[in-house]
C-alpha atoms as a PDB file:
ATOM      1  CA  MET A   1     132.468 230.207 134.883  1.00  0.00           C
ATOM      2  CA  HIS A   2     131.979 228.620 138.288  1.00  0.00           C
ATOM      3  CA  ALA A   3     133.573 225.157 138.151  1.00  0.00           C
ATOM      4  CA  THR A   4     136.269 225.014 140.836  1.00  0.00           C
ATOM      5  CA  ASN A   5     137.631 221.503 140.379  1.00  0.00           C
ATOM      6  CA  ILE A   6     137.967 218.726 137.826  1.00  0.00           C
ATOM      7  CA  SER A   7     134.860 216.923 139.073  1.00  0.00           C
ATOM      8  CA  GLU A   8     132.661 219.983 138.464  1.00  0.00           C
ATOM      9  CA  ALA A   9     134.308 220.497 135.081  1.00  0.00           C
ATOM     10  CA  ARG A  10     133.472 216.908 134.095  1.00  0.00           C
ATOM     11  CA  LYS A  11     129.892 217.537 135.147  1.00  0.00           C
ATOM     12  CA  GLY A  12     129.751 220.678 133.017  1.00  0.00           C
ATOM     13  CA  VAL A  13     131.062 218.774 129.996  1.00  0.00           C
ATOM     14  CA  ALA A  14     128.541 215.924 130.454  1.00  0.00           C
ATOM     15  CA  VAL A  15     125.697 218.404 130.851  1.00  0.00           C
ATOM     16  CA  GLY A  16     126.750 220.244 127.685  1.00  0.00           C
ATOM     17  CA  VAL A  17     126.826 217.039 125.610  1.00  0.00           C
ATOM     18  CA  THR A  18     123.440 215.906 126.961  1.00  0.00           C
ATOM     19  CA  SER A  19     121.916 219.256 126.008  1.00  0.00           C
ATOM     20  CA  SER A  20     123.087 218.715 122.433  1.00  0.00           C
ATOM     21  CA  ILE A  21     121.415 215.294 122.268  1.00  0.00           C
ATOM     22  CA  ALA A  22     118.115 216.770 123.470  1.00  0.00           C
ATOM     23  CA  TRP A  23     118.293 219.517 120.844  1.00  0.00           C
ATOM     24  CA  GLY A  24     119.207 217.014 118.119  1.00  0.00           C
ATOM     25  CA  ILE A  25     116.018 215.047 118.820  1.00  0.00           C
ATOM     26  CA  ASN A  26     114.091 218.314 119.054  1.00  0.00           C
ATOM     27  CA  THR A  27     115.325 219.339 115.596  1.00  0.00           C
ATOM     28  CA  VAL A  28     114.179 216.087 114.008  1.00  0.00           C
ATOM     29  CA  ILE A  29     110.719 216.375 115.586  1.00  0.00           C
ATOM     30  CA  ILE A  30     110.325 219.986 114.414  1.00  0.00           C
ATOM     31  CA  GLY A  31     111.211 218.904 110.878  1.00  0.00           C
ATOM     32  CA  VAL A  32     108.403 216.343 111.070  1.00  0.00           C
ATOM     33  CA  ILE A  33     105.955 218.908 112.478  1.00  0.00           C
ATOM     34  CA  LEU A  34     106.567 221.375 109.629  1.00  0.00           C
ATOM     35  CA  SER A  35     105.708 218.662 107.100  1.00  0.00           C
ATOM     36  CA  LYS A  36     102.280 217.977 108.612  1.00  0.00           C
ATOM     37  CA  ALA A  37      98.868 219.658 108.702  1.00  0.00           C
ATOM     38  CA  PRO A  38      97.880 222.380 109.381  1.00  0.00           C
ATOM     39  CA  PHE A  39     101.222 223.831 108.239  1.00  0.00           C
ATOM     40  CA  ILE A  40     100.892 222.492 104.678  1.00  0.00           C
ATOM     41  CA  ASP A  41      97.170 223.073 104.111  1.00  0.00           C
ATOM     42  CA  THR A  42      97.418 226.514 102.469  1.00  0.00           C
ATOM     43  CA  LYS A  43     100.077 228.833 101.027  1.00  0.00           C
ATOM     44  CA  GLU A  44      99.505 231.199 103.940  1.00  0.00           C
ATOM     45  CA  ALA A  45     100.060 228.386 106.441  1.00  0.00           C
ATOM     46  CA  ILE A  46     103.318 227.397 104.725  1.00  0.00           C
ATOM     47  CA  VAL A  47     104.589 230.989 104.962  1.00  0.00           C
ATOM     48  CA  LEU A  48     103.544 231.422 108.603  1.00  0.00           C
ATOM     49  CA  ALA A  49     104.604 227.924 109.725  1.00  0.00           C
ATOM     50  CA  PRO A  50     108.090 228.841 111.050  1.00  0.00           C
ATOM     51  CA  PHE A  51     106.759 231.764 113.121  1.00  0.00           C
ATOM     52  CA  ILE A  52     103.785 229.863 114.545  1.00  0.00           C
ATOM     53  CA  SER A  53     105.798 226.735 115.297  1.00  0.00           C
ATOM     54  CA  SER A  54     108.521 228.774 117.012  1.00  0.00           C
ATOM     55  CA  PHE A  55     105.924 230.562 119.164  1.00  0.00           C
ATOM     56  CA  THR A  56     104.115 227.313 120.020  1.00  0.00           C
ATOM     57  CA  HIS A  57     107.395 225.603 120.856  1.00  0.00           C
ATOM     58  CA  ASP A  58     108.554 228.337 123.244  1.00  0.00           C
ATOM     59  CA  LEU A  59     105.073 228.724 124.749  1.00  0.00           C
ATOM     60  CA  PHE A  60     104.800 225.039 125.631  1.00  0.00           C
ATOM     61  CA  SER A  61     108.426 224.995 126.733  1.00  0.00           C
ATOM     62  CA  SER A  62     107.756 227.862 129.160  1.00  0.00           C
ATOM     63  CA  LEU A  63     104.713 225.984 130.513  1.00  0.00           C
ATOM     64  CA  TRP A  64     106.859 222.880 131.086  1.00  0.00           C
ATOM     65  CA  MET A  65     109.368 224.991 133.006  1.00  0.00           C
ATOM     66  CA  ILE A  66     106.676 226.744 135.062  1.00  0.00           C
ATOM     67  CA  LEU A  67     105.273 223.300 135.971  1.00  0.00           C
ATOM     68  CA  LEU A  68     108.754 222.178 137.045  1.00  0.00           C
ATOM     69  CA  MET A  69     109.216 225.273 139.187  1.00  0.00           C
ATOM     70  CA  ALA A  70     105.778 224.750 140.755  1.00  0.00           C
ATOM     71  CA  VAL A  71     106.652 221.151 141.653  1.00  0.00           C
ATOM     72  CA  LYS A  72     109.915 222.345 143.195  1.00  0.00           C
ATOM     73  CA  GLY A  73     108.174 225.190 145.035  1.00  0.00           C
ATOM     74  CA  LYS A  74     110.335 227.834 143.333  1.00  0.00           C
ATOM     75  CA  ILE A  75     107.696 230.008 141.666  1.00  0.00           C
ATOM     76  CA  ILE A  76     108.215 232.824 144.188  1.00  0.00           C
ATOM     77  CA  GLU A  77     111.965 232.699 143.548  1.00  0.00           C
ATOM     78  CA  VAL A  78     111.316 233.017 139.818  1.00  0.00           C
ATOM     79  CA  LEU A  79     109.093 236.069 140.297  1.00  0.00           C
ATOM     80  CA  LYS A  80     111.678 237.721 142.530  1.00  0.00           C
ATOM     81  CA  TYR A  81     114.545 236.973 140.159  1.00  0.00           C
ATOM     82  CA  MET A  82     112.622 238.374 137.182  1.00  0.00           C
ATOM     83  CA  LYS A  83     112.757 241.800 138.845  1.00  0.00           C
ATOM     84  CA  THR A  84     116.535 241.757 139.283  1.00  0.00           C
ATOM     85  CA  ARG A  85     119.163 243.150 136.928  1.00  0.00           C
ATOM     86  CA  ASN A  86     120.360 239.646 136.037  1.00  0.00           C
ATOM     87  CA  GLY A  87     116.791 238.549 135.348  1.00  0.00           C
ATOM     88  CA  LEU A  88     116.375 241.399 132.870  1.00  0.00           C
ATOM     89  CA  ILE A  89     119.676 240.491 131.207  1.00  0.00           C
ATOM     90  CA  ILE A  90     118.491 236.904 130.729  1.00  0.00           C
ATOM     91  CA  ALA A  91     115.222 238.223 129.264  1.00  0.00           C
ATOM     92  CA  LEU A  92     117.329 240.242 126.808  1.00  0.00           C
ATOM     93  CA  ALA A  93     119.242 237.078 125.891  1.00  0.00           C
ATOM     94  CA  ALA A  94     115.883 235.401 125.227  1.00  0.00           C
ATOM     95  CA  LEU A  95     115.065 237.956 122.523  1.00  0.00           C
ATOM     96  CA  PHE A  96     118.204 236.998 120.607  1.00  0.00           C
ATOM     97  CA  GLY A  97     117.707 233.275 121.195  1.00  0.00           C
ATOM     98  CA  GLY A  98     113.952 233.120 120.549  1.00  0.00           C
ATOM     99  CA  PRO A  99     112.406 235.667 118.155  1.00  0.00           C
ATOM    100  CA  VAL A 100     115.754 236.095 116.358  1.00  0.00           C
ATOM    101  CA  GLY A 101     117.615 232.782 116.634  1.00  0.00           C
ATOM    102  CA  MET A 102     114.738 230.294 116.780  1.00  0.00           C
ATOM    103  CA  THR A 103     112.666 232.006 114.087  1.00  0.00           C
ATOM    104  CA  CYS A 104     115.651 232.113 111.721  1.00  0.00           C
ATOM    105  CA  TYR A 105     116.313 228.453 112.538  1.00  0.00           C
ATOM    106  CA  LEU A 106     112.790 227.325 111.670  1.00  0.00           C
ATOM    107  CA  LEU A 107     112.687 229.520 108.574  1.00  0.00           C
ATOM    108  CA  GLY A 108     115.933 227.848 107.520  1.00  0.00           C
ATOM    109  CA  ILE A 109     114.411 224.395 108.080  1.00  0.00           C
ATOM    110  CA  ASN A 110     111.429 225.497 106.007  1.00  0.00           C
ATOM    111  CA  TYR A 111     113.626 226.527 103.061  1.00  0.00           C
ATOM    112  CA  ILE A 112     116.580 224.111 103.062  1.00  0.00           C
ATOM    113  CA  GLY A 113     115.641 221.293 105.428  1.00  0.00           C
ATOM    114  CA  ALA A 114     116.453 220.291 109.006  1.00  0.00           C
ATOM    115  CA  THR A 115     119.817 218.619 108.398  1.00  0.00           C
ATOM    116  CA  TYR A 116     121.350 221.417 106.359  1.00  0.00           C
ATOM    117  CA  THR A 117     120.015 224.143 108.666  1.00  0.00           C
ATOM    118  CA  ALA A 118     121.299 222.312 111.750  1.00  0.00           C
ATOM    119  CA  SER A 119     124.744 222.060 110.179  1.00  0.00           C
ATOM    120  CA  ILE A 120     125.000 225.743 109.209  1.00  0.00           C
ATOM    121  CA  SER A 121     123.565 227.028 112.491  1.00  0.00           C
ATOM    122  CA  SER A 122     126.176 224.945 114.317  1.00  0.00           C
ATOM    123  CA  LEU A 123     128.665 227.678 113.479  1.00  0.00           C
ATOM    124  CA  PHE A 124     127.305 229.549 116.521  1.00  0.00           C
ATOM    125  CA  PRO A 125     130.021 228.276 118.939  1.00  0.00           C
ATOM    126  CA  GLY A 126     132.670 230.142 116.958  1.00  0.00           C
ATOM    127  CA  ILE A 127     130.581 233.290 117.190  1.00  0.00           C
ATOM    128  CA  GLY A 128     129.936 232.683 120.893  1.00  0.00           C
ATOM    129  CA  ALA A 129     133.627 232.016 121.566  1.00  0.00           C
ATOM    130  CA  LEU A 130     134.702 235.214 119.835  1.00  0.00           C
ATOM    131  CA  LEU A 131     132.087 237.274 121.673  1.00  0.00           C
ATOM    132  CA  ALA A 132     132.998 235.631 125.005  1.00  0.00           C
ATOM    133  CA  PHE A 133     136.658 236.426 124.373  1.00  0.00           C
ATOM    134  CA  ILE A 134     135.871 240.069 123.562  1.00  0.00           C
ATOM    135  CA  PHE A 135     133.165 240.882 126.111  1.00  0.00           C
ATOM    136  CA  LEU A 136     133.574 238.352 128.957  1.00  0.00           C
ATOM    137  CA  LYS A 137     137.385 238.210 128.797  1.00  0.00           C
ATOM    138  CA  GLU A 138     137.317 234.403 128.781  1.00  0.00           C
ATOM    139  CA  ARG A 139     140.730 232.906 128.123  1.00  0.00           C
ATOM    140  CA  ILE A 140     140.573 230.535 125.172  1.00  0.00           C
ATOM    141  CA  GLY A 141     143.550 228.178 124.884  1.00  0.00           C
ATOM    142  CA  PRO A 142     144.942 226.648 121.674  1.00  0.00           C
ATOM    143  CA  ARG A 143     143.326 223.265 122.388  1.00  0.00           C
ATOM    144  CA  THR A 144     139.887 224.846 122.696  1.00  0.00           C
ATOM    145  CA  TRP A 145     140.297 226.879 119.524  1.00  0.00           C
ATOM    146  CA  LEU A 146     141.407 223.741 117.688  1.00  0.00           C
ATOM    147  CA  GLY A 147     138.328 221.908 118.946  1.00  0.00           C
ATOM    148  CA  ILE A 148     136.017 224.703 117.828  1.00  0.00           C
ATOM    149  CA  VAL A 149     137.668 224.840 114.392  1.00  0.00           C
ATOM    150  CA  LEU A 150     137.358 221.069 114.012  1.00  0.00           C
ATOM    151  CA  SER A 151     133.689 221.149 115.027  1.00  0.00           C
ATOM    152  CA  ILE A 152     132.980 223.895 112.502  1.00  0.00           C
ATOM    153  CA  THR A 153     134.928 221.997 109.820  1.00  0.00           C
ATOM    154  CA  GLY A 154     132.899 218.889 110.594  1.00  0.00           C
ATOM    155  CA  VAL A 155     129.539 220.587 110.188  1.00  0.00           C
ATOM    156  CA  ILE A 156     130.711 222.216 106.947  1.00  0.00           C
ATOM    157  CA  ILE A 157     131.574 218.768 105.594  1.00  0.00           C
ATOM    158  CA  LEU A 158     128.225 217.430 106.779  1.00  0.00           C
ATOM    159  CA  SER A 159     126.387 220.219 104.980  1.00  0.00           C
ATOM    160  CA  TYR A 160     128.524 220.412 101.840  1.00  0.00           C
ATOM    161  CA  MET A 161     126.076 218.474  99.674  1.00  0.00           C
ATOM    162  CA  PRO A 162     122.703 220.293  99.681  1.00  0.00           C
ATOM    163  CA  SER A 163     119.547 218.281 100.222  1.00  0.00           C
ATOM    164  CA  ALA A 164     117.352 217.473  97.212  1.00  0.00           C
ATOM    165  CA  GLY A 165     115.168 220.540  97.675  1.00  0.00           C
ATOM    166  CA  SER A 166     117.954 222.981  98.465  1.00  0.00           C
ATOM    167  CA  SER A 167     118.873 223.805  94.852  1.00  0.00           C
ATOM    168  CA  ASN A 168     115.884 226.101  94.359  1.00  0.00           C
ATOM    169  CA  HIS A 169     115.984 229.900  94.359  1.00  0.00           C
ATOM    170  CA  HIS A 170     115.311 229.962  98.119  1.00  0.00           C
ATOM    171  CA  PHE A 171     118.606 228.221  98.891  1.00  0.00           C
ATOM    172  CA  LEU A 172     120.686 231.376  99.491  1.00  0.00           C
ATOM    173  CA  LEU A 173     117.920 232.846 101.652  1.00  0.00           C
ATOM    174  CA  GLY A 174     117.812 229.632 103.687  1.00  0.00           C
ATOM    175  CA  VAL A 175     121.571 229.722 104.216  1.00  0.00           C
ATOM    176  CA  LEU A 176     121.427 233.360 105.347  1.00  0.00           C
ATOM    177  CA  LEU A 177     118.587 232.549 107.756  1.00  0.00           C
ATOM    178  CA  ALA A 178     120.544 229.624 109.216  1.00  0.00           C
ATOM    179  CA  LEU A 179     123.511 231.960 109.694  1.00  0.00           C
ATOM    180  CA  GLY A 180     121.111 234.406 111.362  1.00  0.00           C
ATOM    181  CA  SER A 181     120.193 231.733 113.886  1.00  0.00           C
ATOM    182  CA  ALA A 182     123.890 231.132 114.568  1.00  0.00           C
ATOM    183  CA  ILE A 183     124.413 234.833 115.292  1.00  0.00           C
ATOM    184  CA  GLY A 184     121.311 235.019 117.498  1.00  0.00           C
ATOM    185  CA  TRP A 185     122.283 231.961 119.533  1.00  0.00           C
ATOM    186  CA  GLY A 186     125.890 233.106 119.827  1.00  0.00           C
ATOM    187  CA  LEU A 187     124.704 236.418 121.287  1.00  0.00           C
ATOM    188  CA  GLU A 188     122.261 234.600 123.559  1.00  0.00           C
ATOM    189  CA  GLY A 189     124.993 232.408 125.037  1.00  0.00           C
ATOM    190  CA  VAL A 190     127.251 235.329 125.854  1.00  0.00           C
ATOM    191  CA  ILE A 191     124.471 237.538 127.268  1.00  0.00           C
ATOM    192  CA  CYS A 192     123.052 234.719 129.382  1.00  0.00           C
ATOM    193  CA  ALA A 193     126.538 233.966 130.759  1.00  0.00           C
ATOM    194  CA  TRP A 194     126.743 237.640 131.745  1.00  0.00           C
ATOM    195  CA  GLY A 195     123.344 237.375 133.444  1.00  0.00           C
ATOM    196  CA  MET A 196     124.374 234.238 135.361  1.00  0.00           C
ATOM    197  CA  LYS A 197     127.802 235.440 136.451  1.00  0.00           C
ATOM    198  CA  ASP A 198     126.832 235.655 140.134  1.00  0.00           C
ATOM    199  CA  ASP A 199     127.354 232.637 142.366  1.00  0.00           C
ATOM    200  CA  ASP A 200     123.663 232.460 143.295  1.00  0.00           C
ATOM    201  CA  ALA A 201     122.529 232.128 139.664  1.00  0.00           C
ATOM    202  CA  ASP A 202     120.064 229.262 139.094  1.00  0.00           C
ATOM    203  CA  PRO A 203     120.059 227.871 135.513  1.00  0.00           C
ATOM    204  CA  GLU A 204     116.513 226.525 135.910  1.00  0.00           C
ATOM    205  CA  ILE A 205     115.167 229.955 136.882  1.00  0.00           C
ATOM    206  CA  ALA A 206     117.127 231.436 133.984  1.00  0.00           C
ATOM    207  CA  VAL A 207     115.421 229.035 131.554  1.00  0.00           C
ATOM    208  CA  VAL A 208     111.955 229.909 132.891  1.00  0.00           C
ATOM    209  CA  ILE A 209     112.701 233.583 132.292  1.00  0.00           C
ATOM    210  CA  ARG A 210     114.236 232.835 128.897  1.00  0.00           C
ATOM    211  CA  GLN A 211     111.329 230.774 127.558  1.00  0.00           C
ATOM    212  CA  THR A 212     108.628 232.990 129.074  1.00  0.00           C
ATOM    213  CA  ALA A 213     110.221 236.191 127.743  1.00  0.00           C
ATOM    214  CA  SER A 214     110.555 234.627 124.302  1.00  0.00           C
ATOM    215  CA  ALA A 215     106.917 233.394 124.291  1.00  0.00           C
ATOM    216  CA  LEU A 216     105.682 236.829 125.405  1.00  0.00           C
ATOM    217  CA  ALA A 217     107.683 238.563 122.686  1.00  0.00           C
ATOM    218  CA  TYR A 218     106.052 236.321 120.103  1.00  0.00           C
ATOM    219  CA  ALA A 219     102.573 236.696 121.627  1.00  0.00           C
ATOM    220  CA  LEU A 220     102.676 240.488 121.945  1.00  0.00           C
ATOM    221  CA  ILE A 221     104.725 241.480 118.900  1.00  0.00           C
ATOM    222  CA  VAL A 222     105.435 238.817 116.265  1.00  0.00           C
ATOM    223  CA  ILE A 223     102.129 236.906 116.076  1.00  0.00           C
ATOM    224  CA  PRO A 224      99.895 240.019 115.970  1.00  0.00           C
ATOM    225  CA  ILE A 225     102.045 241.532 113.198  1.00  0.00           C
ATOM    226  CA  ILE A 226     101.715 238.414 110.995  1.00  0.00           C
ATOM    227  CA  HIS A 227      98.042 237.879 111.991  1.00  0.00           C
ATOM    228  CA  GLY A 228      98.914 234.380 113.125  1.00  0.00           C
ATOM    229  CA  TYR A 229      96.560 233.684 116.026  1.00  0.00           C
ATOM    230  CA  SER A 230      94.033 231.855 113.837  1.00  0.00           C
ATOM    231  CA  LEU A 231      96.666 229.380 112.630  1.00  0.00           C
ATOM    232  CA  THR A 232      98.068 229.094 116.164  1.00  0.00           C
ATOM    233  CA  PHE A 233      94.627 227.998 117.401  1.00  0.00           C
ATOM    234  CA  GLN A 234      94.438 225.424 114.590  1.00  0.00           C
ATOM    235  CA  VAL A 235      97.821 224.033 115.616  1.00  0.00           C
ATOM    236  CA  ILE A 236      96.926 223.806 119.310  1.00  0.00           C
ATOM    237  CA  THR A 237      93.677 221.972 118.513  1.00  0.00           C
ATOM    238  CA  SER A 238      95.233 219.620 115.926  1.00  0.00           C
ATOM    239  CA  GLY A 239      97.009 216.282 116.316  1.00  0.00           C
ATOM    240  CA  ALA A 240     100.339 218.082 115.912  1.00  0.00           C
ATOM    241  CA  VAL A 241      99.982 219.472 119.434  1.00  0.00           C
ATOM    242  CA  TRP A 242     101.349 216.227 120.904  1.00  0.00           C
ATOM    243  CA  LEU A 243     104.512 216.483 118.846  1.00  0.00           C
ATOM    244  CA  PHE A 244     104.843 220.098 119.960  1.00  0.00           C
ATOM    245  CA  LEU A 245     104.542 219.066 123.616  1.00  0.00           C
ATOM    246  CA  ILE A 246     107.340 216.506 123.164  1.00  0.00           C
ATOM    247  CA  ALA A 247     109.540 218.946 121.236  1.00  0.00           C
ATOM    248  CA  ALA A 248     108.913 221.673 123.819  1.00  0.00           C
ATOM    249  CA  PHE A 249     109.844 219.306 126.657  1.00  0.00           C
ATOM    250  CA  LEU A 250     113.120 218.467 124.894  1.00  0.00           C
ATOM    251  CA  GLY A 251     113.680 222.154 124.190  1.00  0.00           C
ATOM    252  CA  ALA A 252     113.205 222.995 127.867  1.00  0.00           C
ATOM    253  CA  ALA A 253     115.571 220.168 128.849  1.00  0.00           C
ATOM    254  CA  ASN A 254     118.125 221.404 126.342  1.00  0.00           C
ATOM    255  CA  TYR A 255     118.062 224.938 127.717  1.00  0.00           C
ATOM    256  CA  VAL A 256     118.261 223.826 131.352  1.00  0.00           C
ATOM    257  CA  LEU A 257     121.312 221.695 130.547  1.00  0.00           C
ATOM    258  CA  TYR A 258     122.794 224.298 128.193  1.00  0.00           C
ATOM    259  CA  TYR A 259     122.497 227.130 130.727  1.00  0.00           C
ATOM    260  CA  ARG A 260     123.902 224.894 133.449  1.00  0.00           C
ATOM    261  CA  ALA A 261     126.886 224.066 131.245  1.00  0.00           C
ATOM    262  CA  ILE A 262     127.449 227.780 130.560  1.00  0.00           C
ATOM    263  CA  HIS A 263     127.251 228.461 134.287  1.00  0.00           C
ATOM    264  CA  LEU A 264     129.814 225.740 135.085  1.00  0.00           C
ATOM    265  CA  ILE A 265     132.307 225.976 132.229  1.00  0.00           C
ATOM    266  CA  GLY A 266     131.662 229.291 130.481  1.00  0.00           C
ATOM    267  CA  ALA A 267     129.913 230.514 127.345  1.00  0.00           C
ATOM    268  CA  ALA A 268     132.589 229.445 124.842  1.00  0.00           C
ATOM    269  CA  ARG A 269     132.770 225.828 125.987  1.00  0.00           C
ATOM    270  CA  GLY A 270     129.088 225.519 126.795  1.00  0.00           C
ATOM    271  CA  THR A 271     128.171 226.573 123.255  1.00  0.00           C
ATOM    272  CA  ALA A 272     130.925 224.443 121.701  1.00  0.00           C
ATOM    273  CA  LEU A 273     129.632 221.272 123.374  1.00  0.00           C
ATOM    274  CA  ASN A 274     126.024 222.131 122.544  1.00  0.00           C
ATOM    275  CA  ASN A 275     127.203 222.492 118.942  1.00  0.00           C
ATOM    276  CA  THR A 276     127.261 218.729 118.398  1.00  0.00           C
ATOM    277  CA  TYR A 277     123.455 218.664 118.092  1.00  0.00           C
ATOM    278  CA  ALA A 278     123.882 218.679 114.282  1.00  0.00           C
ATOM    279  CA  ALA A 279     125.642 215.301 114.392  1.00  0.00           C
ATOM    280  CA  TRP A 280     123.003 213.913 116.765  1.00  0.00           C
ATOM    281  CA  ALA A 281     120.183 215.176 114.530  1.00  0.00           C
ATOM    282  CA  ILE A 282     121.718 213.422 111.535  1.00  0.00           C
ATOM    283  CA  ALA A 283     122.328 210.205 113.484  1.00  0.00           C
ATOM    284  CA  ILE A 284     118.729 210.171 114.747  1.00  0.00           C
ATOM    285  CA  SER A 285     117.429 210.766 111.221  1.00  0.00           C
ATOM    286  CA  VAL A 286     119.439 207.767 110.034  1.00  0.00           C
ATOM    287  CA  VAL A 287     118.123 205.482 112.770  1.00  0.00           C
ATOM    288  CA  VAL A 288     114.478 206.614 112.734  1.00  0.00           C
ATOM    289  CA  PHE A 289     113.938 207.401 109.041  1.00  0.00           C
ATOM    290  CA  ASN A 290     116.550 205.051 107.535  1.00  0.00           C
ATOM    291  CA  THR A 291     118.406 207.911 105.864  1.00  0.00           C
ATOM    292  CA  PRO A 292     121.261 206.492 103.712  1.00  0.00           C
ATOM    293  CA  VAL A 293     124.684 206.763 105.389  1.00  0.00           C
ATOM    294  CA  SER A 294     127.347 208.250 103.119  1.00  0.00           C
ATOM    295  CA  PHE A 295     131.105 208.349 103.602  1.00  0.00           C
ATOM    296  CA  GLN A 296     130.801 212.137 103.845  1.00  0.00           C
ATOM    297  CA  LEU A 297     128.292 211.750 106.680  1.00  0.00           C
ATOM    298  CA  ILE A 298     130.601 209.424 108.626  1.00  0.00           C
ATOM    299  CA  ILE A 299     133.687 211.635 108.166  1.00  0.00           C
ATOM    300  CA  GLY A 300     131.850 214.832 109.093  1.00  0.00           C
ATOM    301  CA  THR A 301     130.316 213.277 112.204  1.00  0.00           C
ATOM    302  CA  VAL A 302     133.670 211.884 113.376  1.00  0.00           C
ATOM    303  CA  ILE A 303     135.327 215.291 112.945  1.00  0.00           C
ATOM    304  CA  VAL A 304     132.581 216.969 115.009  1.00  0.00           C
ATOM    305  CA  ILE A 305     132.998 214.404 117.800  1.00  0.00           C
ATOM    306  CA  VAL A 306     136.806 214.738 117.733  1.00  0.00           C
ATOM    307  CA  GLY A 307     136.437 218.516 117.836  1.00  0.00           C
ATOM    308  CA  SER A 308     134.235 218.251 120.914  1.00  0.00           C
ATOM    309  CA  PHE A 309     136.831 215.988 122.539  1.00  0.00           C
ATOM    310  CA  PHE A 310     139.518 218.619 122.046  1.00  0.00           C
ATOM    311  CA  VAL A 311     137.216 221.262 123.485  1.00  0.00           C
ATOM    312  CA  SER A 312     136.544 219.214 126.628  1.00  0.00           C
ATOM    313  CA  GLY A 313     139.576 216.893 126.778  1.00  0.00           C
ATOM    314  CA  ASN A 314     141.853 218.909 129.053  1.00  0.00           C
ATOM    315  CA  LEU A 315     139.640 219.396 132.073  1.00  0.00           C
ATOM    316  CA  LYS A 316     142.281 221.255 134.082  1.00  0.00           C
ATOM    317  CA  GLU A 317     142.448 223.957 131.399  1.00  0.00           C
ATOM    318  CA  LEU A 318     138.680 223.838 131.007  1.00  0.00           C
ATOM    319  CA  VAL A 319     137.891 225.272 134.446  1.00  0.00           C
ATOM    320  CA  HIS A 320     140.316 228.192 134.053  1.00  0.00           C
ATOM    321  CA  ILE A 321     140.975 228.882 137.730  1.00  0.00           C
ATOM    322  CA  SER A 322     144.169 230.578 138.774  1.00  0.00           C
ATOM    323  CA  GLY A 323     146.978 228.156 139.476  1.00  0.00           C
ATOM    324  CA  ASP A 324     146.961 224.376 139.456  1.00  0.00           C
ATOM    325  CA  PHE A 325     144.708 222.172 141.540  1.00  0.00           C
ATOM    326  CA  ASP A 326     146.383 220.991 144.690  1.00  0.00           C
ATOM    327  CA  ASN A 327     146.782 217.271 145.368  1.00  0.00           C
ATOM    328  CA  LYS A 328     143.790 217.210 147.671  1.00  0.00           C
ATOM    329  CA  ASP A 329     141.506 218.558 144.954  1.00  0.00           C
ATOM    330  CA  LEU A 330     142.851 216.042 142.493  1.00  0.00           C
ATOM    331  CA  GLU A 331     142.300 213.142 144.869  1.00  0.00           C
ATOM    332  CA  GLU A 332     138.768 214.297 145.656  1.00  0.00           C
ATOM    333  CA  SER A 333     137.970 214.585 141.944  1.00  0.00           C
ATOM    334  CA  LYS A 334     139.173 211.006 141.372  1.00  0.00           C
ATOM    335  CA  ILE A 335     136.927 209.733 144.146  1.00  0.00           C
ATOM    336  CA  THR A 336     133.841 211.707 143.124  1.00  0.00           C
ATOM    337  CA  GLY A 337     134.469 211.327 139.402  1.00  0.00           C
END
């Protein structure tokens, strides 16, 4: 982690929370997309929908990021960084986050719904924290562990009552797929933190590599295997393409903010803050689709928010630099904060 004072730690926390909001909206939009044509036109389309939608999402997301880099005049930097050791590490992280994590996530949404899948997959911070502790030697204090446990408890409460369609024989498979996404994203967070450990790491360049590597893996391996290019063309030429463009933009924004949070405050805390997307997805569903608000929903959401507060509440511990901040640093953080 690279935050060196309280002000930078606050920034990392804010960035992490904002990334979760973007992904919460993204999740709701993807749920809508999977319920529309051409994904529901035939049995084959229903089966292929999670793979095609994941590929289309990451493809458009990579195009958004390439456009951003072109506007900023950083395309050459991206090409150079892709050839470095850290660039290859980030590409490796993309394989766990995209073809593994994202595909499992969308398959889970397909089988047990967006809300339930979001809740189960939110267990990934615990996985990321454990992996960061083992492989990156990140020091995790009692307050942070308490926050992670509370966040996980909150999403378990949120997901305790299955949705109306979750009682079918695909329910267990959907749960396992959602857990698969949690494992994939937990691995992605730790590997990407390893790839961005140098001081010159640029989260935006990392996201370009991440999304492009993921899209290429789909295009060259996954889609040909499932014979999905015909359906992909139907999707791109249908009205659903506009929803995909919006979802991909939010996905790109999420990853830029998520990677920046990891860079500033470490993999464990970056993933823990990003974890609150499940609560945001549920809240957005309530506001936009008038989903009934239950007592269970309120309690679970509050616990997730409280858990995130514990994760980010003690900013001095959050940055994990050796020794205490001196008075000058503290005064500067008050002014800039």
